[in-house]
């Protein structure tokens, strides 16, 4: 076999193998997303008396944008309608690529200098969050949102 044929076969094989592995990598990601592999995080924040509007302002003006910067996808933000929760509670759901990624996202978010500045400035007149609850969950097989 000629040297040029061997090079052509080697090149074609390299292209095939690269394409095969790249295709499997992309297929694995799309299958994982199709199966709802992202993880949802339900968070409930309780604000001290008189501080709920400050908390809403911080989310509206800064937090959501910084979440996005760190791979946290905002799904929904809710204000309870009924007392006593309507006076001091913010509920929201964000999603992450995985539980491990959520841990990384939160660590990077907390270390972000912009977030640290926003957090400090928003609490100049006292803390605006007195309690945080977090629950991680997976979308069920019948959930419209995955």
Protein backbone atom coordinates (compact mmCIF):
# COMPACT_ATOMS: atom_id res chain seq x y z
CA UNK A 1 0.00 0.00 0.00
CA UNK A 2 1.29 3.43 -0.87
CA UNK A 3 2.24 5.89 1.84
CA UNK A 4 -0.37 8.41 0.60
CA UNK A 5 -3.13 5.76 0.90
CA UNK A 6 -2.08 4.94 4.45
CA UNK A 7 -2.19 8.63 5.35
CA UNK A 8 -5.64 8.98 3.76
CA UNK A 9 -6.95 5.92 5.63
CA UNK A 10 -5.41 7.12 8.90
CA UNK A 11 -6.96 10.57 8.37
CA UNK A 12 -10.38 9.12 7.56
CA UNK A 13 -10.18 6.87 10.62
CA UNK A 14 -9.26 9.83 12.82
CA UNK A 15 -12.20 11.84 11.49
CA UNK A 16 -14.57 8.90 12.06
CA UNK A 17 -13.36 8.24 15.62
CA UNK A 18 -13.50 11.95 16.51
CA UNK A 19 -17.00 12.23 15.08
CA UNK A 20 -18.12 9.09 16.87
CA UNK A 21 -16.95 10.29 20.29
CA UNK A 22 -18.20 13.83 19.77
CA UNK A 23 -21.58 12.51 18.68
CA UNK A 24 -21.83 10.30 21.75
CA UNK A 25 -20.95 13.21 24.02
CA UNK A 26 -23.64 15.43 22.51
CA UNK A 27 -26.16 12.59 22.49
CA UNK A 28 -25.48 11.88 26.17
CA UNK A 29 -26.18 15.52 27.06
CA UNK A 30 -29.37 15.67 25.02
CA UNK A 31 -30.61 12.35 26.43
CA UNK A 32 -29.88 13.54 29.98
CA UNK A 33 -31.83 16.75 29.39
CA UNK A 34 -34.66 14.87 27.70
CA UNK A 35 -34.88 12.63 30.77
CA UNK A 36 -35.07 15.68 33.04
CA UNK A 37 -31.67 15.26 34.63
CA UNK A 38 -31.41 18.88 35.76
CA UNK A 39 -32.14 19.42 39.41
CA UNK A 40 -34.60 21.96 40.76
CA UNK A 41 -34.07 23.87 43.97
CA UNK A 42 -37.04 25.28 45.86
CA UNK A 43 -35.95 28.06 48.18
CA UNK A 44 -37.98 29.91 50.78
CA UNK A 45 -36.64 33.12 52.31
CA UNK A 46 -38.11 34.70 55.42
CA UNK A 47 -37.43 38.42 55.83
CA UNK A 48 -37.38 40.30 59.14
CA UNK A 49 -40.34 42.58 59.73
CA UNK A 50 -40.42 45.44 57.24
CA UNK A 51 -37.61 44.05 55.03
CA UNK A 52 -39.50 42.03 52.40
CA UNK A 53 -39.57 44.85 49.83
CA UNK A 54 -35.79 45.29 50.24
CA UNK A 55 -35.38 41.57 49.50
CA UNK A 56 -37.59 41.82 46.40
CA UNK A 57 -35.56 44.83 45.23
CA UNK A 58 -32.27 42.97 45.62
CA UNK A 59 -33.58 40.02 43.56
CA UNK A 60 -35.13 42.28 40.93
CA UNK A 61 -32.11 44.55 40.53
CA UNK A 62 -29.17 42.20 41.10
CA UNK A 63 -29.58 38.61 42.34
CA UNK A 64 -31.30 37.10 39.30
CA UNK A 65 -28.64 38.48 36.96
CA UNK A 66 -25.82 37.20 39.18
CA UNK A 67 -27.52 33.79 39.45
CA UNK A 68 -27.53 33.57 35.65
CA UNK A 69 -23.83 34.46 35.55
CA UNK A 70 -23.16 31.40 37.73
CA UNK A 71 -25.28 28.87 35.83
CA UNK A 72 -28.40 29.11 37.97
CA UNK A 73 -31.55 29.22 35.86
CA UNK A 74 -34.43 31.18 37.38
CA UNK A 75 -37.68 29.25 36.96
CA UNK A 76 -40.21 31.21 39.04
CA UNK A 77 -40.42 33.70 41.89
CA UNK A 78 -43.53 33.71 44.08
CA UNK A 79 -45.03 36.08 46.64
CA UNK A 80 -47.49 34.29 48.93
CA UNK A 81 -51.03 35.71 48.84
CA UNK A 82 -52.14 34.86 52.36
CA UNK A 83 -51.06 36.11 55.79
CA UNK A 84 -48.85 35.62 57.60
CA UNK A 85 -46.46 34.54 54.81
CA UNK A 86 -47.39 37.41 52.49
CA UNK A 87 -45.81 39.80 54.99
CA UNK A 88 -42.32 38.26 55.07
CA UNK A 89 -41.78 35.42 52.55
CA UNK A 90 -40.24 35.00 49.11
CA UNK A 91 -40.41 31.60 47.43
CA UNK A 92 -38.54 30.75 44.28
CA UNK A 93 -37.33 27.85 42.16
CA UNK A 94 -34.05 27.75 40.29
CA UNK A 95 -32.50 24.89 38.36
CA UNK A 96 -28.98 23.56 38.01
CA UNK A 97 -27.45 21.05 35.60
CA UNK A 98 -26.97 18.58 38.49
CA UNK A 99 -26.73 18.45 42.28
CA UNK A 100 -22.93 18.61 42.07
CA UNK A 101 -23.22 21.60 39.76
CA UNK A 102 -25.59 23.27 42.24
CA UNK A 103 -22.94 23.01 44.95
CA UNK A 104 -20.36 24.55 42.60
CA UNK A 105 -22.80 27.26 41.43
CA UNK A 106 -23.56 28.32 45.01
CA UNK A 107 -19.88 28.38 45.98
CA UNK A 108 -19.01 30.56 42.97
CA UNK A 109 -22.01 32.81 43.60
CA UNK A 110 -21.06 33.34 47.26
CA UNK A 111 -17.45 34.13 46.28
CA UNK A 112 -18.44 36.59 43.52
CA UNK A 113 -17.15 40.08 44.44
CA UNK A 114 -20.17 41.70 42.80
CA UNK A 115 -22.55 39.58 44.92
CA UNK A 116 -20.58 40.32 48.09
CA UNK A 117 -20.86 44.05 47.38
CA UNK A 118 -24.59 43.86 46.55
CA UNK A 119 -25.25 41.77 49.66
CA UNK A 120 -23.38 44.17 51.95
CA UNK A 121 -25.01 47.26 50.44
CA UNK A 122 -28.51 45.79 50.70
CA UNK A 123 -28.00 45.08 54.41
CA UNK A 124 -26.61 48.44 55.47
CA UNK A 125 -29.76 49.02 57.56
CA UNK A 126 -29.95 45.45 58.89
CA UNK A 127 -30.31 41.92 57.58
CA UNK A 128 -33.00 41.39 54.95
CA UNK A 129 -33.11 37.59 55.31
CA UNK A 130 -33.60 35.88 58.65
CA UNK A 131 -34.17 32.31 57.45
CA UNK A 132 -33.44 30.29 54.30
CA UNK A 133 -34.92 26.90 53.49
CA UNK A 134 -33.74 24.85 50.51
CA UNK A 135 -35.18 21.66 49.02
CA UNK A 136 -33.70 19.90 45.98
CA UNK A 137 -35.91 17.81 43.73
CA UNK A 138 -36.13 16.03 40.42
CA UNK A 139 -38.94 16.56 37.94
CA UNK A 140 -41.29 13.58 37.86
CA UNK A 141 -41.82 11.63 34.65
CA UNK A 142 -45.23 13.34 34.24
CA UNK A 143 -44.07 16.87 35.01
CA UNK A 144 -44.72 19.37 32.21
CA UNK A 145 -41.49 21.15 33.19
CA UNK A 146 -38.30 19.10 33.18
